[in-house]
Amino acid sequence: MEEEGEGHAHGDHLPIDVCFLLFVMLLIGQIMKSGSDFTGLPYTSLITVTGLILGVCSTQFYWGRIGEAIKAFSNFKPHLLLLVFLPPLIFESAFNSDWHIFKVELW
């Protein structure tokens, strides 16, 4: 009989690792938001550069379970990512827009 913890495949932890990776990405996003406020650089540029650096590093180095989660996360369908991330991005842009400037530009 197998004991607890023996014989489990490495993929058994993959859903938890993907959720953890999503949490870490959100945390990095918040850090970049603070960095954007501090440095004055655009937030989207900081996130893009950070994502590119982490993406290149994830292919060049072995990151263990986090690396496997990155590979699994990168295999998501683009339409799913669009449906998940586009509404919050649109909401954030609309929430932070200035009503007076919007009204002037509209008329």
N, C-alpha and C. Protein backbone atom coordinates (compact mmCIF):
# COMPACT_ATOMS: atom_id res chain seq x y z
N MET A 1 0.82 -1.18 0.00
CA MET A 1 0.00 0.00 0.00
C MET A 1 0.87 1.25 0.00
N GLU A 2 0.42 2.26 -0.74
CA GLU A 2 1.19 3.49 -0.81
C GLU A 2 0.92 4.36 0.40
N GLU A 3 1.98 4.98 0.87
CA GLU A 3 1.82 5.92 1.96
C GLU A 3 1.42 7.28 1.42
N GLU A 4 0.94 8.12 2.28
CA GLU A 4 0.53 9.48 1.90
C GLU A 4 1.72 10.22 1.33
N GLY A 5 1.56 10.80 0.14
CA GLY A 5 2.61 11.60 -0.47
C GLY A 5 3.48 10.81 -1.41
N GLU A 6 3.44 9.48 -1.38
CA GLU A 6 4.24 8.69 -2.29
C GLU A 6 3.48 8.43 -3.57
N GLY A 7 4.20 8.37 -4.67
CA GLY A 7 3.62 7.99 -5.93
C GLY A 7 2.79 9.07 -6.60
N HIS A 8 2.79 10.27 -6.07
CA HIS A 8 2.05 11.34 -6.70
C HIS A 8 2.88 11.91 -7.84
N ALA A 9 2.23 12.10 -8.97
CA ALA A 9 2.91 12.68 -10.11
C ALA A 9 3.16 14.16 -9.86
N HIS A 10 4.12 14.69 -10.58
CA HIS A 10 4.46 16.10 -10.42
C HIS A 10 3.31 16.99 -10.85
N GLY A 11 2.49 16.53 -11.78
CA GLY A 11 1.38 17.32 -12.28
C GLY A 11 0.22 17.45 -11.31
N ASP A 12 0.24 16.72 -10.20
CA ASP A 12 -0.84 16.81 -9.22
C ASP A 12 -0.92 18.20 -8.59
N HIS A 13 0.19 18.88 -8.52
CA HIS A 13 0.24 20.20 -7.90
C HIS A 13 0.06 21.32 -8.90
N LEU A 14 -0.08 20.98 -10.18
CA LEU A 14 -0.09 21.99 -11.22
C LEU A 14 -1.23 23.01 -11.07
N PRO A 15 -2.48 22.61 -10.78
CA PRO A 15 -3.52 23.64 -10.62
C PRO A 15 -3.23 24.61 -9.48
N ILE A 16 -2.69 24.12 -8.40
CA ILE A 16 -2.34 24.98 -7.27
C ILE A 16 -1.19 25.91 -7.66
N ASP A 17 -0.22 25.36 -8.38
CA ASP A 17 0.91 26.17 -8.82
C ASP A 17 0.47 27.26 -9.79
N VAL A 18 -0.49 26.97 -10.67
CA VAL A 18 -0.99 27.98 -11.60
C VAL A 18 -1.72 29.08 -10.83
N CYS A 19 -2.51 28.71 -9.83
CA CYS A 19 -3.19 29.72 -8.99
C CYS A 19 -2.18 30.56 -8.23
N PHE A 20 -1.14 29.93 -7.72
CA PHE A 20 -0.09 30.66 -7.03
C PHE A 20 0.62 31.61 -7.99
N LEU A 21 0.88 31.15 -9.21
CA LEU A 21 1.52 31.99 -10.22
C LEU A 21 0.65 33.19 -10.55
N LEU A 22 -0.65 32.99 -10.64
CA LEU A 22 -1.56 34.10 -10.91
C LEU A 22 -1.50 35.12 -9.78
N PHE A 23 -1.46 34.64 -8.54
CA PHE A 23 -1.33 35.53 -7.39
C PHE A 23 -0.01 36.30 -7.44
N VAL A 24 1.07 35.63 -7.79
CA VAL A 24 2.38 36.28 -7.88
C VAL A 24 2.38 37.32 -8.99
N MET A 25 1.72 37.01 -10.12
CA MET A 25 1.65 37.98 -11.21
C MET A 25 0.85 39.21 -10.80
N LEU A 26 -0.22 39.02 -10.05
CA LEU A 26 -0.99 40.16 -9.56
C LEU A 26 -0.17 40.99 -8.58
N LEU A 27 0.61 40.32 -7.75
CA LEU A 27 1.49 41.02 -6.81
C LEU A 27 2.56 41.81 -7.55
N ILE A 28 3.14 41.22 -8.59
CA ILE A 28 4.13 41.94 -9.39
C ILE A 28 3.49 43.13 -10.08
N GLY A 29 2.24 42.98 -10.53
CA GLY A 29 1.52 44.08 -11.14
C GLY A 29 1.33 45.24 -10.18
N GLN A 30 1.01 44.93 -8.93
CA GLN A 30 0.86 45.98 -7.93
C GLN A 30 2.19 46.66 -7.63
N ILE A 31 3.25 45.88 -7.59
CA ILE A 31 4.57 46.46 -7.37
C ILE A 31 4.94 47.37 -8.53
N MET A 32 4.62 46.94 -9.74
CA MET A 32 4.90 47.77 -10.91
C MET A 32 4.04 49.04 -10.91
N LYS A 33 2.82 48.95 -10.39
CA LYS A 33 1.96 50.14 -10.29
C LYS A 33 2.60 51.15 -9.34
N SER A 34 3.10 50.68 -8.21
CA SER A 34 3.81 51.57 -7.28
C SER A 34 5.08 52.11 -7.90
N GLY A 35 5.79 51.26 -8.65
CA GLY A 35 7.00 51.70 -9.34
C GLY A 35 6.70 52.74 -10.40
N SER A 36 5.55 52.58 -11.05
CA SER A 36 5.14 53.57 -12.06
C SER A 36 4.86 54.91 -11.41
N ASP A 37 4.18 54.90 -10.27
CA ASP A 37 3.91 56.15 -9.56
C ASP A 37 5.20 56.80 -9.07
N PHE A 38 6.15 55.98 -8.64
CA PHE A 38 7.40 56.48 -8.09
C PHE A 38 8.32 57.04 -9.18
N THR A 39 8.44 56.31 -10.31
CA THR A 39 9.38 56.71 -11.35
C THR A 39 8.77 57.63 -12.40
N GLY A 40 7.45 57.61 -12.54
CA GLY A 40 6.81 58.41 -13.57
C GLY A 40 6.76 57.71 -14.93
N LEU A 41 7.27 56.49 -15.01
CA LEU A 41 7.21 55.73 -16.26
C LEU A 41 5.81 55.16 -16.43
N PRO A 42 5.35 54.98 -17.66
CA PRO A 42 4.01 54.42 -17.87
C PRO A 42 3.88 53.00 -17.32
N TYR A 43 2.75 52.74 -16.69
CA TYR A 43 2.48 51.45 -16.06
C TYR A 43 2.51 50.32 -17.08
N THR A 44 1.88 50.52 -18.24
CA THR A 44 1.83 49.46 -19.24
C THR A 44 3.21 49.13 -19.79
N SER A 45 4.06 50.14 -19.90
CA SER A 45 5.43 49.88 -20.37
C SER A 45 6.20 49.06 -19.35
N LEU A 46 6.06 49.40 -18.08
CA LEU A 46 6.75 48.63 -17.03
C LEU A 46 6.28 47.18 -17.00
N ILE A 47 4.97 46.98 -17.13
CA ILE A 47 4.44 45.61 -17.11
C ILE A 47 4.91 44.83 -18.33
N THR A 48 4.94 45.48 -19.48
CA THR A 48 5.38 44.80 -20.70
C THR A 48 6.84 44.38 -20.59
N VAL A 49 7.69 45.29 -20.15
CA VAL A 49 9.12 44.98 -20.02
C VAL A 49 9.33 43.89 -18.96
N THR A 50 8.63 43.99 -17.84
CA THR A 50 8.75 42.97 -16.80
C THR A 50 8.30 41.61 -17.31
N GLY A 51 7.19 41.58 -18.04
CA GLY A 51 6.71 40.31 -18.60
C GLY A 51 7.67 39.71 -19.60
N LEU A 52 8.27 40.55 -20.44
CA LEU A 52 9.26 40.06 -21.39
C LEU A 52 10.48 39.49 -20.69
N ILE A 53 10.95 40.19 -19.68
CA ILE A 53 12.13 39.71 -18.94
C ILE A 53 11.82 38.39 -18.24
N LEU A 54 10.68 38.31 -17.57
CA LEU A 54 10.33 37.06 -16.89
C LEU A 54 10.07 35.93 -17.88
N GLY A 55 9.50 36.25 -19.04
CA GLY A 55 9.26 35.23 -20.05
C GLY A 55 10.54 34.66 -20.61
N VAL A 56 11.51 35.53 -20.87
CA VAL A 56 12.81 35.07 -21.38
C VAL A 56 13.54 34.28 -20.30
N CYS A 57 13.49 34.76 -19.06
CA CYS A 57 14.16 34.05 -17.96
C CYS A 57 13.53 32.69 -17.70
N SER A 58 12.22 32.57 -17.90
CA SER A 58 11.56 31.29 -17.64
C SER A 58 11.95 30.25 -18.68
N THR A 59 12.34 30.68 -19.88
CA THR A 59 12.78 29.71 -20.89
C THR A 59 14.26 29.40 -20.76
N GLN A 60 15.04 30.28 -20.16
CA GLN A 60 16.48 30.09 -20.07
C GLN A 60 16.91 29.33 -18.81
N PHE A 61 16.13 29.44 -17.74
CA PHE A 61 16.51 28.85 -16.47
C PHE A 61 15.43 27.86 -16.02
N TYR A 62 15.82 26.90 -15.19
CA TYR A 62 14.86 25.95 -14.63
C TYR A 62 14.34 26.52 -13.32
N TRP A 63 13.03 26.74 -13.26
CA TRP A 63 12.41 27.33 -12.08
C TRP A 63 11.58 26.34 -11.29
N GLY A 64 11.71 25.06 -11.55
CA GLY A 64 10.98 24.06 -10.78
C GLY A 64 9.49 24.09 -11.06
N ARG A 65 8.72 24.00 -9.99
CA ARG A 65 7.26 23.95 -10.13
C ARG A 65 6.70 25.25 -10.69
N ILE A 66 7.31 26.37 -10.37
CA ILE A 66 6.84 27.64 -10.92
C ILE A 66 7.08 27.67 -12.44
N GLY A 67 8.19 27.11 -12.88
CA GLY A 67 8.45 27.03 -14.31
C GLY A 67 7.42 26.18 -15.03
N GLU A 68 7.01 25.08 -14.39
CA GLU A 68 5.96 24.24 -14.98
C GLU A 68 4.63 25.00 -15.02
N ALA A 69 4.35 25.79 -14.00
CA ALA A 69 3.12 26.58 -13.99
C ALA A 69 3.16 27.65 -15.08
N ILE A 70 4.32 28.24 -15.31
CA ILE A 70 4.46 29.23 -16.38
C ILE A 70 4.20 28.57 -17.73
N LYS A 71 4.73 27.36 -17.93
CA LYS A 71 4.50 26.64 -19.19
C LYS A 71 3.01 26.32 -19.35
N ALA A 72 2.37 25.89 -18.28
CA ALA A 72 0.94 25.58 -18.35
C ALA A 72 0.13 26.84 -18.59
N PHE A 73 0.50 27.93 -17.94
CA PHE A 73 -0.21 29.20 -18.11
C PHE A 73 -0.03 29.73 -19.53
N SER A 74 1.13 29.51 -20.13
CA SER A 74 1.37 29.99 -21.49
C SER A 74 0.62 29.17 -22.53
N ASN A 75 0.10 28.00 -22.14
CA ASN A 75 -0.66 27.17 -23.07
C ASN A 75 -2.16 27.46 -23.05
N PHE A 76 -2.60 28.45 -22.24
CA PHE A 76 -4.01 28.82 -22.25
C PHE A 76 -4.38 29.38 -23.61
N LYS A 77 -5.63 29.23 -23.96
CA LYS A 77 -6.09 29.76 -25.24
C LYS A 77 -6.16 31.29 -25.16
N PRO A 78 -5.79 31.98 -26.23
CA PRO A 78 -5.80 33.45 -26.22
C PRO A 78 -7.18 34.04 -25.97
N HIS A 79 -8.22 33.38 -26.46
CA HIS A 79 -9.57 33.90 -26.26
C HIS A 79 -9.96 33.86 -24.79
N LEU A 80 -9.50 32.84 -24.08
CA LEU A 80 -9.78 32.76 -22.64
C LEU A 80 -9.09 33.90 -21.90
N LEU A 81 -7.84 34.15 -22.24
CA LEU A 81 -7.13 35.26 -21.60
C LEU A 81 -7.79 36.59 -21.91
N LEU A 82 -8.26 36.75 -23.15
CA LEU A 82 -8.94 37.97 -23.54
C LEU A 82 -10.22 38.15 -22.72
N LEU A 83 -10.99 37.09 -22.57
CA LEU A 83 -12.24 37.18 -21.81
C LEU A 83 -12.02 37.41 -20.32
N VAL A 84 -10.89 36.93 -19.81
CA VAL A 84 -10.63 37.08 -18.38
C VAL A 84 -10.03 38.45 -18.07
N PHE A 85 -9.09 38.92 -18.88
CA PHE A 85 -8.35 40.12 -18.53
C PHE A 85 -8.86 41.40 -19.17
N LEU A 86 -9.56 41.32 -20.28
CA LEU A 86 -10.01 42.54 -20.93
C LEU A 86 -11.05 43.32 -20.13
N PRO A 87 -12.08 42.69 -19.55
CA PRO A 87 -13.04 43.48 -18.77
C PRO A 87 -12.43 44.25 -17.60
N PRO A 88 -11.53 43.65 -16.80
CA PRO A 88 -10.92 44.46 -15.73
C PRO A 88 -10.07 45.61 -16.27
N LEU A 89 -9.40 45.40 -17.39
CA LEU A 89 -8.59 46.47 -17.96
C LEU A 89 -9.47 47.62 -18.46
N ILE A 90 -10.58 47.29 -19.09
CA ILE A 90 -11.50 48.33 -19.55
C ILE A 90 -12.10 49.06 -18.35
N PHE A 91 -12.49 48.31 -17.32
CA PHE A 91 -13.05 48.93 -16.12
C PHE A 91 -12.04 49.86 -15.47
N GLU A 92 -10.79 49.42 -15.37
CA GLU A 92 -9.76 50.25 -14.74
C GLU A 92 -9.55 51.54 -15.52
N SER A 93 -9.54 51.44 -16.84
CA SER A 93 -9.36 52.64 -17.65
C SER A 93 -10.55 53.58 -17.52
N ALA A 94 -11.75 53.03 -17.52
CA ALA A 94 -12.94 53.86 -17.39
C ALA A 94 -13.02 54.47 -15.99
N PHE A 95 -12.65 53.71 -14.98
CA PHE A 95 -12.72 54.19 -13.60
C PHE A 95 -11.75 55.33 -13.36
N ASN A 96 -10.59 55.27 -13.99
CA ASN A 96 -9.56 56.29 -13.78
C ASN A 96 -9.63 57.44 -14.77
N SER A 97 -10.61 57.42 -15.66
CA SER A 97 -10.72 58.52 -16.62
C SER A 97 -11.36 59.74 -15.96
N ASP A 98 -11.02 60.90 -16.46
CA ASP A 98 -11.55 62.15 -15.94
C ASP A 98 -12.84 62.50 -16.68
N TRP A 99 -13.93 62.66 -15.95
CA TRP A 99 -15.24 62.90 -16.56
C TRP A 99 -15.26 64.20 -17.34
N HIS A 100 -14.63 65.23 -16.85
CA HIS A 100 -14.66 66.53 -17.51
C HIS A 100 -13.93 66.48 -18.86
N ILE A 101 -12.79 65.81 -18.90
CA ILE A 101 -12.06 65.67 -20.16
C ILE A 101 -12.87 64.81 -21.13
N PHE A 102 -13.50 63.76 -20.63
CA PHE A 102 -14.33 62.91 -21.47
C PHE A 102 -15.47 63.72 -22.07
N LYS A 103 -16.11 64.54 -21.26
CA LYS A 103 -17.24 65.34 -21.74
C LYS A 103 -16.79 66.35 -22.79
N VAL A 104 -15.64 66.97 -22.58
CA VAL A 104 -15.13 67.94 -23.55
C VAL A 104 -14.78 67.26 -24.87
N GLU A 105 -14.16 66.08 -24.81
CA GLU A 105 -13.79 65.36 -26.00
C GLU A 105 -15.00 64.80 -26.74
N LEU A 106 -16.04 64.47 -26.00
CA LEU A 106 -17.25 63.90 -26.60
C LEU A 106 -18.00 64.95 -27.40
N TRP A 107 -18.07 66.17 -26.93
CA TRP A 107 -18.82 67.23 -27.62
C TRP A 107 -17.88 67.97 -28.46
